[in-house]
N, C-alpha and C. Protein backbone atom coordinates (compact mmCIF):
# COMPACT_ATOMS: atom_id res chain seq x y z
N UNK A 1 0.63 -1.08 0.07
CA UNK A 1 -0.10 -0.21 0.36
C UNK A 1 0.85 1.03 -0.12
N UNK A 2 0.37 2.07 -0.70
CA UNK A 2 1.26 3.06 -0.90
C UNK A 2 0.92 4.26 0.45
N UNK A 3 1.27 4.88 0.67
CA UNK A 3 1.82 6.23 2.11
C UNK A 3 1.52 7.15 1.78
N UNK A 4 1.11 7.44 0.18
CA UNK A 4 1.53 8.99 -0.29
C UNK A 4 0.51 9.81 0.13
N UNK A 5 0.23 10.77 -0.56
CA UNK A 5 -0.79 12.05 -0.52
C UNK A 5 -2.28 11.86 -0.75
N UNK A 6 -2.41 10.87 -1.95
CA UNK A 6 -3.95 10.48 -1.63
C UNK A 6 -4.35 9.72 -1.00
N UNK A 7 -3.70 8.68 0.39
CA UNK A 7 -4.05 8.05 1.20
C UNK A 7 -4.81 8.36 2.05
N UNK A 8 -5.94 7.62 2.61
CA UNK A 8 -6.22 7.97 4.02
C UNK A 8 -6.09 8.20 5.29
N UNK A 9 -6.44 8.41 6.66
CA UNK A 9 -5.25 8.26 7.52
C UNK A 9 -5.62 6.50 8.03
N UNK A 10 -6.83 6.27 7.86
CA UNK A 10 -7.08 5.08 8.42
C UNK A 10 -6.27 4.09 7.21
N UNK A 11 -5.98 4.05 5.89
CA UNK A 11 -5.30 3.63 5.13
C UNK A 11 -3.85 3.61 5.87
N UNK A 12 -3.21 4.69 6.41
CA UNK A 12 -1.77 5.09 6.61
C UNK A 12 -1.74 4.39 7.77
N UNK A 13 -2.86 4.54 8.72
CA UNK A 13 -2.64 3.28 9.80
C UNK A 13 -2.42 2.07 9.51
N UNK A 14 -3.60 1.38 8.68
CA UNK A 14 -3.46 0.23 8.22
C UNK A 14 -1.96 -0.57 7.65
N UNK A 15 -1.65 0.38 6.69
CA UNK A 15 -0.50 -0.11 6.15
C UNK A 15 0.51 -0.09 7.30
N UNK A 16 0.73 0.74 8.46
CA UNK A 16 1.80 1.05 9.58
C UNK A 16 1.40 -0.59 9.99
N UNK A 17 0.08 -0.68 10.42
CA UNK A 17 0.11 -2.04 11.37
C UNK A 17 0.38 -3.20 11.01
N UNK A 18 -0.05 -3.50 9.87
CA UNK A 18 0.25 -4.49 8.51
C UNK A 18 1.83 -4.49 8.66
N UNK A 19 2.37 -3.66 9.02
CA UNK A 19 4.22 -3.95 8.57
C UNK A 19 4.33 -5.17 9.43
N UNK A 20 3.84 -6.24 10.09
CA UNK A 20 4.37 -6.93 10.72
C UNK A 20 3.85 -7.19 12.40
N UNK A 21 2.61 -6.00 12.41
CA UNK A 21 2.32 -6.19 13.76
C UNK A 21 0.80 -6.90 14.08
N UNK A 22 -0.03 -6.59 13.08
CA UNK A 22 -1.35 -6.80 13.27
C UNK A 22 -1.75 -7.03 11.36
N UNK A 23 -2.89 -7.47 11.59
CA UNK A 23 -3.31 -7.46 10.06
C UNK A 23 -4.55 -6.46 10.17
N UNK A 24 -4.75 -6.24 8.84
CA UNK A 24 -5.56 -4.71 8.91
C UNK A 24 -6.66 -4.84 8.64
N UNK A 25 -7.39 -6.45 9.20
CA UNK A 25 -8.98 -6.25 8.93
C UNK A 25 -9.44 -5.36 10.17
N UNK A 26 -10.92 -5.17 9.73
CA UNK A 26 -11.89 -4.36 10.17
C UNK A 26 -12.21 -4.85 11.45
N UNK A 27 -12.24 -3.52 12.83
CA UNK A 27 -12.59 -4.13 13.95
C UNK A 27 -13.67 -5.07 13.63
N UNK A 28 -14.00 -5.64 14.52
CA UNK A 28 -15.80 -6.15 14.83
C UNK A 28 -16.41 -5.85 15.74
N UNK A 29 -17.51 -5.48 15.15
CA UNK A 29 -18.23 -4.48 16.43
C UNK A 29 -19.26 -5.51 16.72
N UNK A 30 -19.65 -5.84 17.68
CA UNK A 30 -20.99 -6.30 17.97
C UNK A 30 -22.34 -6.05 17.50
N UNK A 31 -22.89 -6.55 17.07
CA UNK A 31 -24.31 -6.21 16.83
C UNK A 31 -25.02 -5.61 17.39
N UNK A 32 -25.92 -4.66 16.63
CA UNK A 32 -26.66 -3.58 17.16
C UNK A 32 -28.02 -4.31 17.63
N UNK A 33 -27.91 -4.18 19.11
CA UNK A 33 -29.43 -4.41 19.53
C UNK A 33 -30.34 -3.52 20.05
N UNK A 34 -31.60 -3.37 19.24
CA UNK A 34 -32.58 -2.05 19.45
C UNK A 34 -33.57 -2.54 20.52
N UNK A 35 -33.27 -1.87 21.53
CA UNK A 35 -34.65 -2.14 22.51
C UNK A 35 -35.29 -0.93 22.79
N UNK A 36 -36.85 -1.46 22.54
CA UNK A 36 -37.46 -0.09 22.49
C UNK A 36 -38.34 -0.33 24.07
N UNK A 37 -37.80 0.74 24.90
CA UNK A 37 -38.48 1.13 25.99
C UNK A 37 -40.11 1.77 25.96
N UNK A 38 -40.69 1.20 26.10
CA UNK A 38 -42.13 2.15 26.24
C UNK A 38 -42.77 1.84 27.55
N UNK A 39 -43.93 2.63 27.41
CA UNK A 39 -43.83 2.58 29.25
C UNK A 39 -44.89 1.31 29.15
N UNK A 40 -46.01 1.24 28.07
CA UNK A 40 -46.72 -0.32 28.37
C UNK A 40 -45.49 -1.70 29.42
N UNK A 41 -44.15 -1.37 28.95
CA UNK A 41 -43.04 -2.41 28.85
C UNK A 41 -42.93 -2.37 31.05
N UNK A 42 -43.21 -1.08 31.00
CA UNK A 42 -42.68 -0.48 32.69
C UNK A 42 -43.73 -1.44 33.73
N UNK A 43 -45.05 -1.76 32.75
CA UNK A 43 -46.19 -2.26 33.53
C UNK A 43 -45.93 -3.76 34.30
N UNK A 44 -44.54 -4.68 33.43
CA UNK A 44 -44.45 -5.58 33.83
C UNK A 44 -43.47 -5.81 34.69
N UNK A 45 -42.80 -4.68 35.24
CA UNK A 45 -41.66 -5.39 36.14
C UNK A 45 -42.27 -5.66 37.45
N UNK A 46 -41.62 -6.58 38.02
CA UNK A 46 -42.26 -7.00 39.42
C UNK A 46 -42.17 -5.83 40.40
N UNK A 47 -41.63 -4.96 40.24
CA UNK A 47 -42.48 -3.75 41.19
C UNK A 47 -43.70 -2.98 40.77
N UNK A 48 -44.00 -3.11 39.37
CA UNK A 48 -44.83 -2.43 39.17
C UNK A 48 -46.44 -3.35 39.34
N UNK A 49 -45.76 -5.22 38.76
CA UNK A 49 -46.87 -5.64 39.53
C UNK A 49 -47.14 -5.43 40.90
N UNK A 50 -46.19 -5.47 41.52
CA UNK A 50 -46.42 -5.39 43.27
C UNK A 50 -47.28 -4.46 43.60
N UNK A 51 -46.77 -2.97 43.13
CA UNK A 51 -47.77 -2.19 43.56
C UNK A 51 -49.14 -1.88 43.01
N UNK A 52 -49.35 -2.82 41.64
CA UNK A 52 -51.09 -2.83 41.12
C UNK A 52 -51.35 -3.50 42.11
N UNK A 53 -50.66 -4.81 42.52
CA UNK A 53 -51.66 -5.62 43.69
C UNK A 53 -52.03 -5.06 45.07
N UNK A 54 -51.15 -4.47 45.36
CA UNK A 54 -51.39 -3.43 46.51
C UNK A 54 -52.45 -2.85 46.69
N UNK A 55 -52.06 -1.77 45.11
CA UNK A 55 -53.42 -0.75 44.84
C UNK A 55 -54.56 -1.65 44.92
N UNK A 56 -54.71 -2.68 44.90
CA UNK A 56 -56.23 -3.28 44.54
C UNK A 56 -56.77 -4.04 45.80
N UNK A 57 -55.55 -4.25 46.76
CA UNK A 57 -55.79 -5.17 47.85
C UNK A 57 -56.58 -3.45 48.64
N UNK A 58 -55.99 -2.22 48.50
CA UNK A 58 -56.19 -1.64 49.19
C UNK A 58 -57.92 -1.07 49.03
N UNK A 59 -57.69 -0.99 47.30
CA UNK A 59 -59.38 -0.80 46.71
C UNK A 59 -60.36 -1.38 47.50
N UNK A 60 -59.99 -3.01 47.43
CA UNK A 60 -60.86 -3.86 47.98
C UNK A 60 -61.19 -3.42 49.62
N UNK A 61 -60.02 -3.27 50.18
CA UNK A 61 -60.26 -3.05 51.95
C UNK A 61 -61.11 -1.34 52.41
N UNK A 62 -60.64 -0.88 51.50
CA UNK A 62 -61.42 0.58 51.45
C UNK A 62 -62.74 0.21 50.58
N UNK A 63 -63.41 -0.18 50.00
CA UNK A 63 -64.83 -0.53 49.63
C UNK A 63 -65.36 -1.15 50.49
N UNK A 64 -64.64 -2.45 50.75
CA UNK A 64 -65.41 -2.87 52.17
C UNK A 64 -66.05 -1.62 53.14
N UNK A 65 -64.96 -1.21 53.20
CA UNK A 65 -65.42 -0.37 54.33
C UNK A 65 -66.44 1.00 53.85
N UNK A 66 -66.01 1.40 52.87
CA UNK A 66 -67.74 2.15 52.39
C UNK A 66 -68.56 1.47 52.71
N UNK A 67 -69.04 0.48 52.22
CA UNK A 67 -69.84 -0.24 52.57
C UNK A 67 -70.17 -0.63 53.71
N UNK A 68 -69.41 -0.87 54.41
CA UNK A 68 -69.93 -0.75 56.23
C UNK A 68 -70.52 0.09 56.77
N UNK A 69 -69.95 1.39 56.38
CA UNK A 69 -70.04 3.10 56.95
C UNK A 69 -71.37 2.98 56.16
N UNK A 70 -71.48 3.01 54.79
CA UNK A 70 -73.00 3.27 54.54
C UNK A 70 -74.02 2.08 55.24
N UNK A 71 -73.72 0.99 55.40
CA UNK A 71 -74.90 0.45 55.88
C UNK A 71 -74.86 0.79 57.38
N UNK A 72 -74.42 1.09 58.04
CA UNK A 72 -74.57 1.19 59.40
C UNK A 72 -74.58 2.72 59.62
N UNK A 73 -73.97 3.77 58.69
CA UNK A 73 -74.54 4.83 59.32
C UNK A 73 -75.66 5.70 58.46
N UNK A 74 -75.93 4.94 57.47
CA UNK A 74 -76.71 5.86 55.83
C UNK A 74 -76.50 7.45 55.83
N UNK A 75 -75.22 7.24 55.65
CA UNK A 75 -75.21 8.81 55.39
C UNK A 75 -75.25 9.59 54.40
N UNK A 76 -75.07 11.12 54.05
CA UNK A 76 -75.86 11.61 53.21
C UNK A 76 -74.92 11.07 51.77
N UNK A 77 -76.08 11.83 50.68
CA UNK A 77 -74.93 11.19 49.09
C UNK A 77 -74.03 11.73 49.43
N UNK A 78 -73.61 13.33 49.99
CA UNK A 78 -72.63 13.62 49.55
C UNK A 78 -71.37 13.21 50.44
N UNK A 79 -71.46 12.74 51.34
CA UNK A 79 -70.44 12.01 52.13
C UNK A 79 -70.28 10.44 51.16
N UNK A 80 -71.37 9.99 50.68
CA UNK A 80 -70.93 8.48 49.98
C UNK A 80 -70.03 8.79 48.99
N UNK A 81 -70.96 10.16 48.13
CA UNK A 81 -70.00 10.04 47.34
C UNK A 81 -68.60 10.20 47.17
N UNK A 82 -68.39 11.43 48.19
CA UNK A 82 -66.85 11.10 49.29
C UNK A 82 -66.31 10.14 49.37
N UNK A 83 -66.81 9.20 50.10
CA UNK A 83 -66.54 8.10 50.23
C UNK A 83 -65.67 7.15 48.89
N UNK A 84 -66.39 7.11 47.85
CA UNK A 84 -66.41 6.29 46.64
C UNK A 84 -65.27 7.33 45.98
N UNK A 85 -65.13 8.40 46.03
CA UNK A 85 -64.05 8.91 45.24
C UNK A 85 -62.89 8.64 46.16
N UNK A 86 -62.70 8.50 47.72
CA UNK A 86 -61.58 8.26 48.35
C UNK A 86 -61.15 6.89 48.04
N UNK A 87 -61.87 6.23 47.77
CA UNK A 87 -61.64 4.93 47.47
C UNK A 87 -60.61 4.67 46.14
N UNK A 88 -60.91 4.97 45.61
CA UNK A 88 -59.98 5.21 44.18
C UNK A 88 -58.43 6.65 44.28
N UNK A 89 -58.92 7.63 45.10
CA UNK A 89 -57.77 8.55 44.95
C UNK A 89 -56.60 7.84 45.60
N UNK A 90 -57.04 6.92 47.06
CA UNK A 90 -55.75 6.75 48.13
C UNK A 90 -55.30 5.65 47.62
N UNK A 91 -55.98 4.54 46.69
CA UNK A 91 -54.81 3.03 46.15
C UNK A 91 -54.48 4.28 45.00
N UNK A 92 -54.77 5.01 44.16
CA UNK A 92 -54.22 5.48 42.90
C UNK A 92 -52.95 6.36 43.54
N UNK A 93 -53.25 6.73 44.23
CA UNK A 93 -51.66 7.60 45.31
C UNK A 93 -50.51 6.24 45.67
N UNK A 94 -51.33 5.55 46.30
CA UNK A 94 -50.46 4.26 47.14
C UNK A 94 -49.34 3.88 45.75
N UNK A 95 -50.47 3.65 44.97
CA UNK A 95 -49.04 3.14 43.68
C UNK A 95 -48.36 4.22 42.99
N UNK A 96 -48.75 5.61 42.40
CA UNK A 96 -48.02 6.03 42.63
C UNK A 96 -46.52 6.24 43.09
N UNK A 97 -47.08 6.30 44.25
CA UNK A 97 -45.96 6.36 45.36
C UNK A 97 -44.67 5.06 45.36
N UNK A 98 -45.42 4.02 45.07
CA UNK A 98 -44.40 2.73 45.00
C UNK A 98 -43.86 2.62 43.65
N UNK A 99 -43.83 3.23 42.54
CA UNK A 99 -43.71 3.32 41.35
C UNK A 99 -43.03 4.28 40.60
N UNK A 100 -41.62 4.48 40.37
CA UNK A 100 -41.24 5.79 40.40
C UNK A 100 -41.15 5.92 39.13
N UNK A 101 -41.39 5.40 38.18
CA UNK A 101 -41.66 5.70 36.57
C UNK A 101 -42.93 5.68 36.20
N UNK A 102 -43.31 6.70 35.69
CA UNK A 102 -44.94 6.12 34.82
C UNK A 102 -45.61 6.37 35.47
N UNK A 103 -45.80 7.07 36.78
CA UNK A 103 -47.00 7.03 38.02
C UNK A 103 -48.20 7.13 37.39
N UNK A 104 -48.97 8.20 36.24
CA UNK A 104 -49.62 8.29 36.03
C UNK A 104 -50.27 7.61 34.91
N UNK A 105 -49.76 6.84 34.63
CA UNK A 105 -50.18 5.40 33.70
C UNK A 105 -50.45 3.77 34.28
N UNK A 106 -49.87 4.11 35.91
CA UNK A 106 -49.88 2.88 36.78
C UNK A 106 -51.21 3.53 37.34
N UNK A 107 -51.51 4.65 37.64
CA UNK A 107 -52.90 5.00 38.23
C UNK A 107 -53.86 4.94 37.26
N UNK A 108 -53.84 5.07 36.14
CA UNK A 108 -55.05 4.63 35.07
C UNK A 108 -55.10 3.22 35.09
N UNK A 109 -53.94 2.08 35.23
CA UNK A 109 -54.21 0.78 34.41
C UNK A 109 -55.04 0.11 36.30
N UNK A 110 -54.53 1.14 37.35
CA UNK A 110 -55.11 0.51 38.34
C UNK A 110 -56.63 0.62 38.14
N UNK A 111 -57.14 2.43 37.92
CA UNK A 111 -58.54 2.05 37.87
C UNK A 111 -59.35 1.64 36.84
N UNK A 112 -58.51 1.03 35.62
CA UNK A 112 -59.32 -0.30 34.97
C UNK A 112 -58.91 -1.41 35.35
N UNK A 113 -58.30 -1.57 36.69
CA UNK A 113 -58.17 -3.33 37.20
C UNK A 113 -59.44 -3.03 37.93
N UNK A 114 -60.13 -1.75 38.66
CA UNK A 114 -60.68 -2.09 39.88
C UNK A 114 -62.40 -2.20 39.35
N UNK A 115 -62.48 -2.30 37.66
CA UNK A 115 -63.63 -2.62 37.29
C UNK A 115 -63.79 -3.60 37.49
N UNK A 116 -62.91 -5.14 37.60
CA UNK A 116 -63.58 -6.09 38.03
C UNK A 116 -63.86 -6.42 39.51
N UNK A 117 -63.32 -5.68 40.29
CA UNK A 117 -63.76 -5.60 42.02
C UNK A 117 -65.21 -5.28 41.98
N UNK A 118 -65.27 -4.04 41.27
CA UNK A 118 -66.71 -3.44 41.24
C UNK A 118 -67.62 -3.95 40.68
N UNK A 119 -67.10 -5.02 39.55
CA UNK A 119 -68.51 -5.99 39.19
C UNK A 119 -68.77 -6.96 39.79
N UNK A 120 -67.91 -7.26 40.55
CA UNK A 120 -68.68 -8.18 41.54
C UNK A 120 -68.57 -8.09 43.17
N UNK A 121 -68.85 -6.88 43.11
CA UNK A 121 -69.63 -6.17 44.12
C UNK A 121 -70.71 -5.31 43.82
N UNK A 122 -71.06 -5.05 42.63
CA UNK A 122 -72.46 -4.47 42.93
C UNK A 122 -73.13 -5.56 42.15
N UNK A 123 -74.56 -5.97 42.30
CA UNK A 123 -75.36 -6.88 42.24
C UNK A 123 -75.81 -7.10 40.97
N UNK A 124 -75.31 -7.05 39.31
CA UNK A 124 -75.99 -7.02 38.32
C UNK A 124 -76.47 -8.51 38.34
N UNK A 125 -77.40 -7.93 37.55
CA UNK A 125 -78.44 -9.66 37.12
C UNK A 125 -78.39 -9.16 35.36
N UNK A 126 -77.19 -9.54 34.89
CA UNK A 126 -77.02 -9.78 33.29
C UNK A 126 -78.89 -10.67 32.86
N UNK A 127 -79.38 -11.48 33.35
CA UNK A 127 -80.39 -11.88 32.87
C UNK A 127 -81.33 -11.02 32.29
N UNK A 128 -81.38 -10.07 33.38
CA UNK A 128 -82.35 -8.78 33.61
C UNK A 128 -81.86 -7.55 32.49
N UNK A 129 -80.91 -7.25 32.35
CA UNK A 129 -79.98 -6.58 31.40
C UNK A 129 -79.72 -6.54 29.97
N UNK A 130 -79.85 -5.88 29.07
CA UNK A 130 -79.23 -5.79 28.07
C UNK A 130 -77.75 -5.92 28.00
N UNK A 131 -77.26 -6.12 26.69
CA UNK A 131 -75.60 -6.40 26.74
C UNK A 131 -75.31 -4.85 26.62
N UNK A 132 -76.34 -3.83 25.85
CA UNK A 132 -75.80 -2.75 25.92
C UNK A 132 -75.80 -2.20 27.19
N UNK A 133 -76.78 -2.19 28.23
CA UNK A 133 -76.61 -1.52 29.46
C UNK A 133 -75.34 -2.40 29.86
N UNK A 134 -75.32 -3.45 30.08
CA UNK A 134 -74.24 -4.22 30.50
C UNK A 134 -72.61 -2.80 30.43
N UNK A 135 -72.55 -3.09 28.70
CA UNK A 135 -71.52 -2.34 27.85
C UNK A 135 -71.25 -0.66 28.25
N UNK A 136 -72.45 -0.63 28.65
CA UNK A 136 -72.33 0.99 29.30
C UNK A 136 -71.73 0.99 30.53
N UNK A 137 -72.23 0.17 31.51
CA UNK A 137 -71.67 0.21 33.00
C UNK A 137 -70.44 0.11 32.88
N UNK A 138 -70.15 -1.13 32.06
CA UNK A 138 -68.55 -1.34 32.35
C UNK A 138 -67.66 -0.26 31.56
N UNK A 139 -68.01 0.49 30.62
CA UNK A 139 -67.37 1.77 30.04
C UNK A 139 -67.49 2.68 30.74
N UNK A 140 -68.42 3.22 31.60
CA UNK A 140 -68.81 4.04 32.48
C UNK A 140 -67.85 3.79 33.92
N UNK A 141 -68.12 2.70 34.31
CA UNK A 141 -67.18 2.42 35.69
C UNK A 141 -65.57 2.17 35.10
N UNK A 142 -65.17 2.10 34.34
CA UNK A 142 -63.68 2.02 33.16
C UNK A 142 -63.45 3.33 33.59
N UNK A 143 -64.38 4.59 32.75
CA UNK A 143 -63.96 5.59 33.17
C UNK A 143 -63.60 6.46 34.02
N UNK A 144 -64.43 6.12 34.96
CA UNK A 144 -65.17 6.82 36.36
C UNK A 144 -63.15 6.39 37.00
N UNK A 145 -63.60 4.72 37.25
CA UNK A 145 -62.17 4.37 38.11
C UNK A 145 -60.70 4.64 37.21
N UNK A 146 -60.55 4.74 35.96
CA UNK A 146 -59.60 5.06 35.45
C UNK A 146 -58.87 6.40 35.81
N UNK A 147 -60.03 7.36 35.59
CA UNK A 147 -60.06 9.49 36.09
C UNK A 147 -59.49 9.31 37.35
N UNK A 148 -60.29 8.99 38.28
CA UNK A 148 -60.10 9.10 40.04
C UNK A 148 -59.13 8.69 40.26
N UNK A 149 -58.38 7.30 39.66
CA UNK A 149 -57.07 6.59 40.44
C UNK A 149 -56.47 7.75 39.61
N UNK A 150 -56.60 8.03 38.54
CA UNK A 150 -55.26 8.77 37.34
C UNK A 150 -54.62 10.20 38.50
N UNK A 151 -55.91 10.70 38.94
CA UNK A 151 -55.81 11.96 39.87
C UNK A 151 -55.12 11.63 41.27
N UNK A 152 -55.24 10.71 41.46
CA UNK A 152 -54.81 10.33 43.04
C UNK A 152 -53.39 9.89 42.38
N UNK A 153 -52.68 9.72 41.37
CA UNK A 153 -51.57 9.29 41.47
C UNK A 153 -51.24 10.69 40.63
N UNK A 154 -51.58 11.81 40.18
CA UNK A 154 -51.11 12.73 39.70
C UNK A 154 -50.94 13.55 41.05
N UNK A 155 -51.75 13.41 42.19
CA UNK A 155 -51.40 14.32 43.46
C UNK A 155 -50.16 13.65 43.87
N UNK A 156 -50.24 12.77 44.28
CA UNK A 156 -49.18 11.65 45.10
C UNK A 156 -47.34 12.51 43.89
N UNK A 157 -47.88 11.90 42.26
CA UNK A 157 -46.90 12.53 41.78
C UNK A 157 -46.30 14.26 42.48
N UNK A 158 -47.31 14.90 42.35
CA UNK A 158 -47.15 16.30 42.83
C UNK A 158 -46.64 16.69 43.74
N UNK A 159 -47.23 15.89 45.01
CA UNK A 159 -46.56 15.83 46.53
C UNK A 159 -45.20 15.33 46.45
N UNK A 160 -44.81 14.35 45.89
CA UNK A 160 -43.41 13.94 45.40
C UNK A 160 -42.62 14.64 44.79
N UNK A 161 -43.23 15.69 43.81
CA UNK A 161 -42.15 16.47 43.58
C UNK A 161 -42.02 17.67 44.11
N UNK A 162 -42.82 18.14 44.68
CA UNK A 162 -42.92 19.37 45.63
C UNK A 162 -42.01 18.80 47.30
N UNK A 163 -42.08 18.02 47.35
CA UNK A 163 -41.48 17.54 48.79
C UNK A 163 -39.77 17.19 48.54
N UNK A 164 -39.26 16.35 47.14
CA UNK A 164 -38.47 16.46 47.20
C UNK A 164 -37.84 17.62 46.14
N UNK A 165 -38.04 18.73 45.90
CA UNK A 165 -37.64 19.47 45.26
C UNK A 165 -37.23 21.08 45.96
N UNK A 166 -36.22 21.76 45.88
CA UNK A 166 -35.69 22.63 46.87
C UNK A 166 -36.46 24.01 47.08
N UNK A 167 -37.32 24.02 46.14
CA UNK A 167 -38.29 24.96 46.37
C UNK A 167 -39.67 24.83 46.74
N UNK A 168 -39.83 23.81 47.57
CA UNK A 168 -40.80 22.87 48.45
C UNK A 168 -41.24 24.19 48.92
N UNK A 169 -40.77 25.47 50.01
CA UNK A 169 -41.64 26.25 50.35
C UNK A 169 -41.87 27.54 50.12
N UNK A 170 -41.76 27.26 48.13
CA UNK A 170 -42.01 28.54 47.93
C UNK A 170 -43.48 28.75 47.67
N UNK A 171 -44.18 29.29 47.12
CA UNK A 171 -45.16 29.68 46.42
C UNK A 171 -45.19 29.03 45.27
N UNK A 172 -45.94 28.27 44.34
CA UNK A 172 -45.66 28.15 43.21
C UNK A 172 -46.28 29.45 42.12
């Protein structure tokens, strides 16, 4: 190989290295591995599954507590609605505290999972309801659960950011 003016720097190094020390083969690079990290993949980590399971357990516990309070004290409709909202917000906040990434996504998924609990709590007689009525119930319960659990996760995320920042005592 000629080391003249027209040779590139790589050719010069290759020619110098090929003079007895090494061969001039191109270095072997490991194959490129492309790993796609989506927020949905984070739902299947052990920590996420544990947080969602604890959120469901908390939801079931708060749901049973709400039912007992409503049967024992017959509170006003406003207090019943407040207890229902807290039943979704507190487990959503718990899940957000346990999962460091994608807190809002985990809150929304928890809200969707609560539909299964509500389905077994509410005495729906499928024979008396049309398929459209059952589908409307499932959609509305899913939207309500996802929205309110998402609000709980958002509140927990805001509190975490507020408490861990240096500006926590300043007014926003």
